[in-house]
Amino acid sequence: MTEWTDAGKYYRVTEVVRPELVVLNDGLRARLLGIKERPEAGGAAVAFLREATRGQKVFLRFDSIKHDADNNLLCYLYLSNKTFLNAHLLKNGLADVDTAVAFKYKDKFLSIKAA
């Protein structure tokens, strides 16, 4: 059963495929907007997402583009306590900014990465 709150619909992450791609409990594949795998980080980003989302409820926020070319849902991923996971990956050097797509937080993400 999926819960609804004022934050929207809550999900659980059932699989972390790559730092920018997760599978949700209803089978949806969600791609984290603005995030690109950073090979030199090794598996640290995947390990971080697995640990951060284990047993946690997450919710999604969307931008102007809803799906990518592979029909993955494009989103900003948040824990129920409002931790912004896309930005957290960048702040901790676990991912790079994906500049191939236009998105609302591109300038913010680039400034986080530069800091």
PDB file of N, CA and C in Angstrom:
ATOM      1  N   MET A   1       0.833  -1.184   0.000  1.00  0.00           N
ATOM      2  CA  MET A   1       0.000   0.000   0.000  1.00  0.00           C
ATOM      3  C   MET A   1       0.882   1.254   0.000  1.00  0.00           C
ATOM      4  N   THR A   2       0.546   2.201  -0.850  1.00  0.00           N
ATOM      5  CA  THR A   2       1.300   3.440  -0.936  1.00  0.00           C
ATOM      6  C   THR A   2       0.611   4.498  -0.088  1.00  0.00           C
ATOM      7  N   GLU A   3       1.391   5.213   0.688  1.00  0.00           N
ATOM      8  CA  GLU A   3       0.841   6.244   1.564  1.00  0.00           C
ATOM      9  C   GLU A   3       0.871   7.603   0.879  1.00  0.00           C
ATOM     10  N   TRP A   4      -0.102   8.423   1.200  1.00  0.00           N
ATOM     11  CA  TRP A   4      -0.161   9.804   0.712  1.00  0.00           C
ATOM     12  C   TRP A   4      -0.075  10.742   1.903  1.00  0.00           C
ATOM     13  N   THR A   5       0.664  11.816   1.738  1.00  0.00           N
ATOM     14  CA  THR A   5       0.724  12.846   2.773  1.00  0.00           C
ATOM     15  C   THR A   5       0.740  14.187   2.066  1.00  0.00           C
ATOM     16  N   ASP A   6       0.924  15.256   2.827  1.00  0.00           N
ATOM     17  CA  ASP A   6       1.015  16.573   2.200  1.00  0.00           C
ATOM     18  C   ASP A   6       2.285  16.708   1.355  1.00  0.00           C
ATOM     19  N   ALA A   7       3.266  15.825   1.543  1.00  0.00           N
ATOM     20  CA  ALA A   7       4.477  15.834   0.719  1.00  0.00           C
ATOM     21  C   ALA A   7       4.239  15.108  -0.602  1.00  0.00           C
ATOM     22  N   GLY A   8       3.093  14.479  -0.761  1.00  0.00           N
ATOM     23  CA  GLY A   8       2.802  13.718  -1.974  1.00  0.00           C
ATOM     24  C   GLY A   8       2.760  12.240  -1.656  1.00  0.00           C
ATOM     25  N   LYS A   9       3.051  11.447  -2.648  1.00  0.00           N
ATOM     26  CA  LYS A   9       3.006  10.000  -2.515  1.00  0.00           C
ATOM     27  C   LYS A   9       4.347   9.496  -1.988  1.00  0.00           C
ATOM     28  N   TYR A  10       4.300   8.628  -1.006  1.00  0.00           N
ATOM     29  CA  TYR A  10       5.526   8.033  -0.475  1.00  0.00           C
ATOM     30  C   TYR A  10       5.789   6.676  -1.123  1.00  0.00           C
ATOM     31  N   TYR A  11       7.062   6.416  -1.359  1.00  0.00           N
ATOM     32  CA  TYR A  11       7.513   5.157  -1.945  1.00  0.00           C
ATOM     33  C   TYR A  11       8.605   4.579  -1.064  1.00  0.00           C
ATOM     34  N   ARG A  12       9.028   3.392  -1.424  1.00  0.00           N
ATOM     35  CA  ARG A  12      10.241   2.796  -0.860  1.00  0.00           C
ATOM     36  C   ARG A  12      11.141   2.431  -2.033  1.00  0.00           C
ATOM     37  N   VAL A  13      12.440   2.597  -1.838  1.00  0.00           N
ATOM     38  CA  VAL A  13      13.404   2.210  -2.864  1.00  0.00           C
ATOM     39  C   VAL A  13      13.678   0.725  -2.675  1.00  0.00           C
ATOM     40  N   THR A  14      13.436  -0.072  -3.723  1.00  0.00           N
ATOM     41  CA  THR A  14      13.676  -1.508  -3.626  1.00  0.00           C
ATOM     42  C   THR A  14      15.012  -1.914  -4.228  1.00  0.00           C
ATOM     43  N   GLU A  15      15.563  -1.052  -5.109  1.00  0.00           N
ATOM     44  CA  GLU A  15      16.851  -1.371  -5.722  1.00  0.00           C
ATOM     45  C   GLU A  15      17.541  -0.082  -6.151  1.00  0.00           C
ATOM     46  N   VAL A  16      18.853  -0.020  -5.934  1.00  0.00           N
ATOM     47  CA  VAL A  16      19.670   1.074  -6.451  1.00  0.00           C
ATOM     48  C   VAL A  16      20.479   0.476  -7.596  1.00  0.00           C
ATOM     49  N   VAL A  17      20.125   0.834  -8.820  1.00  0.00           N
ATOM     50  CA  VAL A  17      20.773   0.275 -10.008  1.00  0.00           C
ATOM     51  C   VAL A  17      22.111   0.964 -10.246  1.00  0.00           C
ATOM     52  N   ARG A  18      22.077   2.282 -10.235  1.00  0.00           N
ATOM     53  CA  ARG A  18      23.256   3.143 -10.409  1.00  0.00           C
ATOM     54  C   ARG A  18      23.000   4.374  -9.546  1.00  0.00           C
ATOM     55  N   PRO A  19      24.006   5.226  -9.348  1.00  0.00           N
ATOM     56  CA  PRO A  19      23.780   6.411  -8.522  1.00  0.00           C
ATOM     57  C   PRO A  19      22.619   7.282  -9.009  1.00  0.00           C
ATOM     58  N   GLU A  20      22.336   7.238 -10.293  1.00  0.00           N
ATOM     59  CA  GLU A  20      21.262   8.077 -10.816  1.00  0.00           C
ATOM     60  C   GLU A  20      19.978   7.307 -11.118  1.00  0.00           C
ATOM     61  N   LEU A  21      19.927   6.017 -10.819  1.00  0.00           N
ATOM     62  CA  LEU A  21      18.749   5.224 -11.173  1.00  0.00           C
ATOM     63  C   LEU A  21      18.349   4.284 -10.037  1.00  0.00           C
ATOM     64  N   VAL A  22      17.090   4.426  -9.592  1.00  0.00           N
ATOM     65  CA  VAL A  22      16.557   3.569  -8.530  1.00  0.00           C
ATOM     66  C   VAL A  22      15.246   2.955  -8.989  1.00  0.00           C
ATOM     67  N   VAL A  23      14.890   1.837  -8.365  1.00  0.00           N
ATOM     68  CA  VAL A  23      13.609   1.186  -8.623  1.00  0.00           C
ATOM     69  C   VAL A  23      12.769   1.342  -7.363  1.00  0.00           C
ATOM     70  N   LEU A  24      11.516   1.751  -7.558  1.00  0.00           N
ATOM     71  CA  LEU A  24      10.606   1.981  -6.440  1.00  0.00           C
ATOM     72  C   LEU A  24       9.714   0.777  -6.199  1.00  0.00           C
ATOM     73  N   ASN A  25       9.062   0.742  -5.041  1.00  0.00           N
ATOM     74  CA  ASN A  25       8.265  -0.417  -4.651  1.00  0.00           C
ATOM     75  C   ASN A  25       7.105  -0.722  -5.598  1.00  0.00           C
ATOM     76  N   ASP A  26       6.668   0.220  -6.400  1.00  0.00           N
ATOM     77  CA  ASP A  26       5.589  -0.064  -7.355  1.00  0.00           C
ATOM     78  C   ASP A  26       6.135  -0.429  -8.727  1.00  0.00           C
ATOM     79  N   GLY A  27       7.466  -0.659  -8.815  1.00  0.00           N
ATOM     80  CA  GLY A  27       8.086  -1.062 -10.066  1.00  0.00           C
ATOM     81  C   GLY A  27       8.570   0.082 -10.931  1.00  0.00           C
ATOM     82  N   LEU A  28       8.242   1.312 -10.583  1.00  0.00           N
ATOM     83  CA  LEU A  28       8.713   2.462 -11.358  1.00  0.00           C
ATOM     84  C   LEU A  28      10.227   2.570 -11.276  1.00  0.00           C
ATOM     85  N   ARG A  29      10.825   2.937 -12.402  1.00  0.00           N
ATOM     86  CA  ARG A  29      12.263   3.223 -12.436  1.00  0.00           C
ATOM     87  C   ARG A  29      12.392   4.737 -12.435  1.00  0.00           C
ATOM     88  N   ALA A  30      13.077   5.265 -11.430  1.00  0.00           N
ATOM     89  CA  ALA A  30      13.212   6.712 -11.277  1.00  0.00           C
ATOM     90  C   ALA A  30      14.666   7.117 -11.479  1.00  0.00           C
ATOM     91  N   ARG A  31      14.870   8.076 -12.361  1.00  0.00           N
ATOM     92  CA  ARG A  31      16.214   8.595 -12.624  1.00  0.00           C
ATOM     93  C   ARG A  31      16.358   9.940 -11.919  1.00  0.00           C
ATOM     94  N   LEU A  32      17.391  10.075 -11.119  1.00  0.00           N
ATOM     95  CA  LEU A  32      17.617  11.299 -10.360  1.00  0.00           C
ATOM     96  C   LEU A  32      18.104  12.403 -11.288  1.00  0.00           C
ATOM     97  N   LEU A  33      17.303  13.445 -11.395  1.00  0.00           N
ATOM     98  CA  LEU A  33      17.621  14.572 -12.265  1.00  0.00           C
ATOM     99  C   LEU A  33      18.918  15.253 -11.844  1.00  0.00           C
ATOM    100  N   GLY A  34      19.745  15.563 -12.834  1.00  0.00           N
ATOM    101  CA  GLY A  34      20.969  16.308 -12.576  1.00  0.00           C
ATOM    102  C   GLY A  34      22.119  15.494 -12.041  1.00  0.00           C
ATOM    103  N   ILE A  35      21.940  14.184 -11.939  1.00  0.00           N
ATOM    104  CA  ILE A  35      22.964  13.308 -11.363  1.00  0.00           C
ATOM    105  C   ILE A  35      23.571  12.418 -12.439  1.00  0.00           C
ATOM    106  N   LYS A  36      24.887  12.325 -12.418  1.00  0.00           N
ATOM    107  CA  LYS A  36      25.609  11.465 -13.349  1.00  0.00           C
ATOM    108  C   LYS A  36      26.633  10.669 -12.544  1.00  0.00           C
ATOM    109  N   GLU A  37      26.729   9.405 -12.859  1.00  0.00           N
ATOM    110  CA  GLU A  37      27.667   8.534 -12.143  1.00  0.00           C
ATOM    111  C   GLU A  37      29.086   9.081 -12.261  1.00  0.00           C
ATOM    112  N   ARG A  38      29.815   8.985 -11.176  1.00  0.00           N
ATOM    113  CA  ARG A  38      31.213   9.417 -11.120  1.00  0.00           C
ATOM    114  C   ARG A  38      32.059   8.165 -10.914  1.00  0.00           C
ATOM    115  N   PRO A  39      32.625   7.620 -12.008  1.00  0.00           N
ATOM    116  CA  PRO A  39      33.345   6.338 -11.924  1.00  0.00           C
ATOM    117  C   PRO A  39      34.422   6.287 -10.837  1.00  0.00           C
ATOM    118  N   GLU A  40      35.115   7.405 -10.621  1.00  0.00           N
ATOM    119  CA  GLU A  40      36.185   7.395  -9.615  1.00  0.00           C
ATOM    120  C   GLU A  40      35.658   7.289  -8.186  1.00  0.00           C
ATOM    121  N   ALA A  41      34.359   7.435  -7.997  1.00  0.00           N
ATOM    122  CA  ALA A  41      33.766   7.276  -6.664  1.00  0.00           C
ATOM    123  C   ALA A  41      33.539   5.802  -6.346  1.00  0.00           C
ATOM    124  N   GLY A  42      33.779   4.937  -7.349  1.00  0.00           N
ATOM    125  CA  GLY A  42      33.571   3.508  -7.129  1.00  0.00           C
ATOM    126  C   GLY A  42      32.110   3.242  -6.829  1.00  0.00           C
ATOM    127  N   GLY A  43      31.844   2.352  -5.946  1.00  0.00           N
ATOM    128  CA  GLY A  43      30.462   2.040  -5.587  1.00  0.00           C
ATOM    129  C   GLY A  43      29.955   2.857  -4.404  1.00  0.00           C
ATOM    130  N   ALA A  44      30.674   3.909  -4.025  1.00  0.00           N
ATOM    131  CA  ALA A  44      30.310   4.683  -2.835  1.00  0.00           C
ATOM    132  C   ALA A  44      28.930   5.324  -2.953  1.00  0.00           C
ATOM    133  N   ALA A  45      28.581   5.808  -4.138  1.00  0.00           N
ATOM    134  CA  ALA A  45      27.277   6.465  -4.320  1.00  0.00           C
ATOM    135  C   ALA A  45      26.137   5.455  -4.181  1.00  0.00           C
ATOM    136  N   VAL A  46      26.319   4.288  -4.788  1.00  0.00           N
ATOM    137  CA  VAL A  46      25.298   3.240  -4.694  1.00  0.00           C
ATOM    138  C   VAL A  46      25.160   2.791  -3.235  1.00  0.00           C
ATOM    139  N   ALA A  47      26.293   2.589  -2.573  1.00  0.00           N
ATOM    140  CA  ALA A  47      26.263   2.181  -1.159  1.00  0.00           C
ATOM    141  C   ALA A  47      25.579   3.241  -0.304  1.00  0.00           C
ATOM    142  N   PHE A  48      25.878   4.516  -0.567  1.00  0.00           N
ATOM    143  CA  PHE A  48      25.249   5.598   0.186  1.00  0.00           C
ATOM    144  C   PHE A  48      23.727   5.575  -0.010  1.00  0.00           C
ATOM    145  N   LEU A  49      23.269   5.485  -1.264  1.00  0.00           N
ATOM    146  CA  LEU A  49      21.823   5.481  -1.529  1.00  0.00           C
ATOM    147  C   LEU A  49      21.141   4.270  -0.902  1.00  0.00           C
ATOM    148  N   ARG A  50      21.774   3.118  -0.982  1.00  0.00           N
ATOM    149  CA  ARG A  50      21.186   1.922  -0.355  1.00  0.00           C
ATOM    150  C   ARG A  50      21.006   2.126   1.148  1.00  0.00           C
ATOM    151  N   GLU A  51      22.048   2.639   1.789  1.00  0.00           N
ATOM    152  CA  GLU A  51      22.001   2.844   3.233  1.00  0.00           C
ATOM    153  C   GLU A  51      21.004   3.946   3.602  1.00  0.00           C
ATOM    154  N   ALA A  52      21.025   5.055   2.859  1.00  0.00           N
ATOM    155  CA  ALA A  52      20.154   6.189   3.175  1.00  0.00           C
ATOM    156  C   ALA A  52      18.677   5.852   3.008  1.00  0.00           C
ATOM    157  N   THR A  53      18.361   4.994   2.034  1.00  0.00           N
ATOM    158  CA  THR A  53      16.952   4.700   1.742  1.00  0.00           C
ATOM    159  C   THR A  53      16.459   3.413   2.390  1.00  0.00           C
ATOM    160  N   ARG A  54      17.357   2.621   2.976  1.00  0.00           N
ATOM    161  CA  ARG A  54      16.953   1.351   3.591  1.00  0.00           C
ATOM    162  C   ARG A  54      15.914   1.596   4.686  1.00  0.00           C
ATOM    163  N   GLY A  55      14.741   1.020   4.508  1.00  0.00           N
ATOM    164  CA  GLY A  55      13.679   1.141   5.488  1.00  0.00           C
ATOM    165  C   GLY A  55      13.038   2.521   5.559  1.00  0.00           C
ATOM    166  N   GLN A  56      13.417   3.406   4.661  1.00  0.00           N
ATOM    167  CA  GLN A  56      12.913   4.781   4.692  1.00  0.00           C
ATOM    168  C   GLN A  56      11.842   5.011   3.630  1.00  0.00           C
ATOM    169  N   LYS A  57      10.956   5.937   3.918  1.00  0.00           N
ATOM    170  CA  LYS A  57       9.996   6.387   2.916  1.00  0.00           C
ATOM    171  C   LYS A  57      10.650   7.510   2.135  1.00  0.00           C
ATOM    172  N   VAL A  58      10.408   7.537   0.846  1.00  0.00           N
ATOM    173  CA  VAL A  58      10.930   8.599  -0.009  1.00  0.00           C
ATOM    174  C   VAL A  58       9.770   9.224  -0.777  1.00  0.00           C
ATOM    175  N   PHE A  59       9.974  10.468  -1.216  1.00  0.00           N
ATOM    176  CA  PHE A  59       8.997  11.080  -2.104  1.00  0.00           C
ATOM    177  C   PHE A  59       9.728  11.760  -3.242  1.00  0.00           C
ATOM    178  N   LEU A  60       8.998  12.018  -4.312  1.00  0.00           N
ATOM    179  CA  LEU A  60       9.568  12.552  -5.534  1.00  0.00           C
ATOM    180  C   LEU A  60       9.030  13.945  -5.802  1.00  0.00           C
ATOM    181  N   ARG A  61       9.859  14.769  -6.389  1.00  0.00           N
ATOM    182  CA  ARG A  61       9.446  16.064  -6.929  1.00  0.00           C
ATOM    183  C   ARG A  61       9.858  16.050  -8.396  1.00  0.00           C
ATOM    184  N   PHE A  62       9.107  16.761  -9.211  1.00  0.00           N
ATOM    185  CA  PHE A  62       9.334  16.700 -10.653  1.00  0.00           C
ATOM    186  C   PHE A  62       9.699  18.062 -11.230  1.00  0.00           C
ATOM    187  N   ASP A  63      10.259  18.027 -12.407  1.00  0.00           N
ATOM    188  CA  ASP A  63      10.645  19.217 -13.150  1.00  0.00           C
ATOM    189  C   ASP A  63       9.764  19.288 -14.387  1.00  0.00           C
ATOM    190  N   SER A  64      10.146  20.097 -15.343  1.00  0.00           N
ATOM    191  CA  SER A  64       9.321  20.261 -16.548  1.00  0.00           C
ATOM    192  C   SER A  64       9.327  19.020 -17.439  1.00  0.00           C
ATOM    193  N   ILE A  65      10.411  18.252 -17.412  1.00  0.00           N
ATOM    194  CA  ILE A  65      10.494  17.018 -18.198  1.00  0.00           C
ATOM    195  C   ILE A  65      10.184  15.855 -17.254  1.00  0.00           C
ATOM    196  N   LYS A  66       9.215  15.031 -17.616  1.00  0.00           N
ATOM    197  CA  LYS A  66       8.758  13.978 -16.695  1.00  0.00           C
ATOM    198  C   LYS A  66       9.433  12.623 -16.933  1.00  0.00           C
ATOM    199  N   HIS A  67       9.840  12.321 -18.177  1.00  0.00           N
ATOM    200  CA  HIS A  67      10.457  11.022 -18.499  1.00  0.00           C
ATOM    201  C   HIS A  67      11.670  11.221 -19.399  1.00  0.00           C
ATOM    202  N   ASP A  68      12.631  10.305 -19.298  1.00  0.00           N
ATOM    203  CA  ASP A  68      13.778  10.344 -20.203  1.00  0.00           C
ATOM    204  C   ASP A  68      13.493   9.469 -21.423  1.00  0.00           C
ATOM    205  N   ALA A  69      14.477   9.333 -22.307  1.00  0.00           N
ATOM    206  CA  ALA A  69      14.308   8.561 -23.543  1.00  0.00           C
ATOM    207  C   ALA A  69      14.024   7.086 -23.283  1.00  0.00           C
ATOM    208  N   ASP A  70      14.441   6.572 -22.121  1.00  0.00           N
ATOM    209  CA  ASP A  70      14.199   5.176 -21.758  1.00  0.00           C
ATOM    210  C   ASP A  70      12.908   5.010 -20.950  1.00  0.00           C
ATOM    211  N   ASN A  71      12.103   6.058 -20.886  1.00  0.00           N
ATOM    212  CA  ASN A  71      10.837   6.085 -20.159  1.00  0.00           C
ATOM    213  C   ASN A  71      10.991   5.944 -18.646  1.00  0.00           C
ATOM    214  N   ASN A  72      12.190   6.282 -18.126  1.00  0.00           N
ATOM    215  CA  ASN A  72      12.378   6.361 -16.680  1.00  0.00           C
ATOM    216  C   ASN A  72      11.776   7.674 -16.201  1.00  0.00           C
ATOM    217  N   LEU A  73      11.180   7.655 -15.032  1.00  0.00           N
ATOM    218  CA  LEU A  73      10.636   8.855 -14.426  1.00  0.00           C
ATOM    219  C   LEU A  73      11.797   9.742 -13.994  1.00  0.00           C
ATOM    220  N   LEU A  74      11.802  11.009 -14.376  1.00  0.00           N
ATOM    221  CA  LEU A  74      12.853  11.945 -13.968  1.00  0.00           C
ATOM    222  C   LEU A  74      12.395  12.667 -12.712  1.00  0.00           C
ATOM    223  N   CYS A  75      13.225  12.661 -11.672  1.00  0.00           N
ATOM    224  CA  CYS A  75      12.768  13.236 -10.408  1.00  0.00           C
ATOM    225  C   CYS A  75      13.906  13.754  -9.546  1.00  0.00           C
ATOM    226  N   TYR A  76      13.494  14.517  -8.560  1.00  0.00           N
ATOM    227  CA  TYR A  76      14.343  14.866  -7.433  1.00  0.00           C
ATOM    228  C   TYR A  76      13.874  13.953  -6.318  1.00  0.00           C
ATOM    229  N   LEU A  77      14.796  13.252  -5.680  1.00  0.00           N
ATOM    230  CA  LEU A  77      14.455  12.243  -4.671  1.00  0.00           C
ATOM    231  C   LEU A  77      14.732  12.774  -3.270  1.00  0.00           C
ATOM    232  N   TYR A  78      13.733  12.657  -2.405  1.00  0.00           N
ATOM    233  CA  TYR A  78      13.831  13.142  -1.031  1.00  0.00           C
ATOM    234  C   TYR A  78      13.474  12.028  -0.053  1.00  0.00           C
ATOM    235  N   LEU A  79      14.159  12.005   1.087  1.00  0.00           N
ATOM    236  CA  LEU A  79      13.726  11.166   2.196  1.00  0.00           C
ATOM    237  C   LEU A  79      12.512  11.844   2.834  1.00  0.00           C
ATOM    238  N   SER A  80      11.756  11.109   3.618  1.00  0.00           N
ATOM    239  CA  SER A  80      10.566  11.678   4.254  1.00  0.00           C
ATOM    240  C   SER A  80      10.899  12.849   5.179  1.00  0.00           C
ATOM    241  N   ASN A  81      12.155  12.932   5.669  1.00  0.00           N
ATOM    242  CA  ASN A  81      12.565  14.065   6.512  1.00  0.00           C
ATOM    243  C   ASN A  81      13.037  15.257   5.681  1.00  0.00           C
ATOM    244  N   LYS A  82      12.801  15.188   4.359  1.00  0.00           N
ATOM    245  CA  LYS A  82      13.108  16.244   3.386  1.00  0.00           C
ATOM    246  C   LYS A  82      14.590  16.349   3.019  1.00  0.00           C
ATOM    247  N   THR A  83      15.398  15.340   3.339  1.00  0.00           N
ATOM    248  CA  THR A  83      16.784  15.308   2.871  1.00  0.00           C
ATOM    249  C   THR A  83      16.761  15.158   1.357  1.00  0.00           C
ATOM    250  N   PHE A  84      17.400  16.076   0.657  1.00  0.00           N
ATOM    251  CA  PHE A  84      17.426  16.131  -0.808  1.00  0.00           C
ATOM    252  C   PHE A  84      18.589  15.257  -1.294  1.00  0.00           C
ATOM    253  N   LEU A  85      18.280  14.037  -1.695  1.00  0.00           N
ATOM    254  CA  LEU A  85      19.325  13.062  -2.018  1.00  0.00           C
ATOM    255  C   LEU A  85      20.143  13.436  -3.253  1.00  0.00           C
ATOM    256  N   ASN A  86      19.526  14.041  -4.274  1.00  0.00           N
ATOM    257  CA  ASN A  86      20.280  14.453  -5.458  1.00  0.00           C
ATOM    258  C   ASN A  86      21.419  15.389  -5.037  1.00  0.00           C
ATOM    259  N   ALA A  87      21.081  16.417  -4.256  1.00  0.00           N
ATOM    260  CA  ALA A  87      22.079  17.389  -3.812  1.00  0.00           C
ATOM    261  C   ALA A  87      23.088  16.754  -2.867  1.00  0.00           C
ATOM    262  N   HIS A  88      22.636  15.855  -2.020  1.00  0.00           N
ATOM    263  CA  HIS A  88      23.527  15.190  -1.055  1.00  0.00           C
ATOM    264  C   HIS A  88      24.629  14.402  -1.784  1.00  0.00           C
ATOM    265  N   LEU A  89      24.270  13.736  -2.871  1.00  0.00           N
ATOM    266  CA  LEU A  89      25.269  12.996  -3.652  1.00  0.00           C
ATOM    267  C   LEU A  89      26.344  13.938  -4.183  1.00  0.00           C
ATOM    268  N   LEU A  90      25.942  15.118  -4.631  1.00  0.00           N
ATOM    269  CA  LEU A  90      26.896  16.098  -5.161  1.00  0.00           C
ATOM    270  C   LEU A  90      27.763  16.692  -4.058  1.00  0.00           C
ATOM    271  N   LYS A  91      27.139  17.076  -2.952  1.00  0.00           N
ATOM    272  CA  LYS A  91      27.870  17.693  -1.834  1.00  0.00           C
ATOM    273  C   LYS A  91      28.968  16.781  -1.309  1.00  0.00           C
ATOM    274  N   ASN A  92      28.720  15.480  -1.356  1.00  0.00           N
ATOM    275  CA  ASN A  92      29.688  14.524  -0.823  1.00  0.00           C
ATOM    276  C   ASN A  92      30.623  13.948  -1.876  1.00  0.00           C
ATOM    277  N   GLY A  93      30.615  14.531  -3.078  1.00  0.00           N
ATOM    278  CA  GLY A  93      31.523  14.096  -4.135  1.00  0.00           C
ATOM    279  C   GLY A  93      31.252  12.699  -4.658  1.00  0.00           C
ATOM    280  N   LEU A  94      30.024  12.213  -4.469  1.00  0.00           N
ATOM    281  CA  LEU A  94      29.690  10.853  -4.885  1.00  0.00           C
ATOM    282  C   LEU A  94      29.144  10.787  -6.308  1.00  0.00           C
ATOM    283  N   ALA A  95      28.826  11.949  -6.891  1.00  0.00           N
ATOM    284  CA  ALA A  95      28.276  11.998  -8.246  1.00  0.00           C
ATOM    285  C   ALA A  95      28.684  13.309  -8.894  1.00  0.00           C
ATOM    286  N   ASP A  96      28.533  13.354 -10.208  1.00  0.00           N
ATOM    287  CA  ASP A  96      28.780  14.568 -10.970  1.00  0.00           C
ATOM    288  C   ASP A  96      27.453  15.143 -11.427  1.00  0.00           C
ATOM    289  N   VAL A  97      27.483  16.398 -11.854  1.00  0.00           N
ATOM    290  CA  VAL A  97      26.279  17.048 -12.378  1.00  0.00           C
ATOM    291  C   VAL A  97      26.090  16.625 -13.826  1.00  0.00           C
ATOM    292  N   ASP A  98      24.893  16.174 -14.149  1.00  0.00           N
ATOM    293  CA  ASP A  98      24.545  15.810 -15.522  1.00  0.00           C
ATOM    294  C   ASP A  98      24.059  17.068 -16.227  1.00  0.00           C
ATOM    295  N   THR A  99      24.898  17.626 -17.085  1.00  0.00           N
ATOM    296  CA  THR A  99      24.553  18.869 -17.765  1.00  0.00           C
ATOM    297  C   THR A  99      23.920  18.628 -19.136  1.00  0.00           C
ATOM    298  N   ALA A 100      23.681  17.374 -19.495  1.00  0.00           N
ATOM    299  CA  ALA A 100      23.116  17.050 -20.809  1.00  0.00           C
ATOM    300  C   ALA A 100      21.640  17.435 -20.924  1.00  0.00           C
ATOM    301  N   VAL A 101      20.975  17.597 -19.796  1.00  0.00           N
ATOM    302  CA  VAL A 101      19.547  17.912 -19.789  1.00  0.00           C
ATOM    303  C   VAL A 101      19.335  19.215 -19.025  1.00  0.00           C
ATOM    304  N   ALA A 102      18.404  20.027 -19.504  1.00  0.00           N
ATOM    305  CA  ALA A 102      18.057  21.252 -18.770  1.00  0.00           C
ATOM    306  C   ALA A 102      17.149  20.869 -17.598  1.00  0.00           C
ATOM    307  N   PHE A 103      17.436  21.423 -16.424  1.00  0.00           N
ATOM    308  CA  PHE A 103      16.587  21.178 -15.254  1.00  0.00           C
ATOM    309  C   PHE A 103      16.678  22.376 -14.323  1.00  0.00           C
ATOM    310  N   LYS A 104      15.672  22.526 -13.497  1.00  0.00           N
ATOM    311  CA  LYS A 104      15.487  23.694 -12.644  1.00  0.00           C
ATOM    312  C   LYS A 104      16.689  23.994 -11.742  1.00  0.00           C
ATOM    313  N   TYR A 105      17.300  22.985 -11.178  1.00  0.00           N
ATOM    314  CA  TYR A 105      18.364  23.203 -10.195  1.00  0.00           C
ATOM    315  C   TYR A 105      19.776  23.121 -10.784  1.00  0.00           C
ATOM    316  N   LYS A 106      19.914  23.235 -12.101  1.00  0.00           N
ATOM    317  CA  LYS A 106      21.231  23.073 -12.724  1.00  0.00           C
ATOM    318  C   LYS A 106      22.263  24.034 -12.128  1.00  0.00           C
ATOM    319  N   ASP A 107      21.944  25.333 -12.038  1.00  0.00           N
ATOM    320  CA  ASP A 107      22.900  26.297 -11.491  1.00  0.00           C
ATOM    321  C   ASP A 107      23.235  25.980 -10.032  1.00  0.00           C
ATOM    322  N   LYS A 108      22.222  25.601  -9.258  1.00  0.00           N
ATOM    323  CA  LYS A 108      22.446  25.240  -7.847  1.00  0.00           C
ATOM    324  C   LYS A 108      23.369  24.028  -7.765  1.00  0.00           C
ATOM    325  N   PHE A 109      23.106  23.018  -8.583  1.00  0.00           N
ATOM    326  CA  PHE A 109      23.924  21.803  -8.560  1.00  0.00           C
ATOM    327  C   PHE A 109      25.359  22.105  -8.975  1.00  0.00           C
ATOM    328  N   LEU A 110      25.547  22.947  -9.992  1.00  0.00           N
ATOM    329  CA  LEU A 110      26.897  23.288 -10.429  1.00  0.00           C
ATOM    330  C   LEU A 110      27.644  24.057  -9.337  1.00  0.00           C
ATOM    331  N   SER A 111      26.952  24.916  -8.603  1.00  0.00           N
ATOM    332  CA  SER A 111      27.617  25.652  -7.517  1.00  0.00           C
ATOM    333  C   SER A 111      27.936  24.720  -6.342  1.00  0.00           C
ATOM    334  N   ILE A 112      27.095  23.727  -6.083  1.00  0.00           N
ATOM    335  CA  ILE A 112      27.396  22.749  -5.025  1.00  0.00           C
ATOM    336  C   ILE A 112      28.647  21.966  -5.402  1.00  0.00           C
ATOM    337  N   LYS A 113      28.721  21.539  -6.643  1.00  0.00           N
ATOM    338  CA  LYS A 113      29.844  20.745  -7.123  1.00  0.00           C
ATOM    339  C   LYS A 113      31.143  21.538  -7.092  1.00  0.00           C
ATOM    340  N   ALA A 114      31.056  22.845  -7.383  1.00  0.00           N
ATOM    341  CA  ALA A 114      32.244  23.699  -7.420  1.00  0.00           C
ATOM    342  C   ALA A 114      32.749  24.027  -6.022  1.00  0.00           C
ATOM    343  N   ALA A 115      31.872  23.956  -5.041  1.00  0.00           N
ATOM    344  CA  ALA A 115      32.245  24.363  -3.674  1.00  0.00           C
ATOM    345  C   ALA A 115      33.219  23.388  -3.029  1.00  0.00           C
TER     346      ALA A 115
END
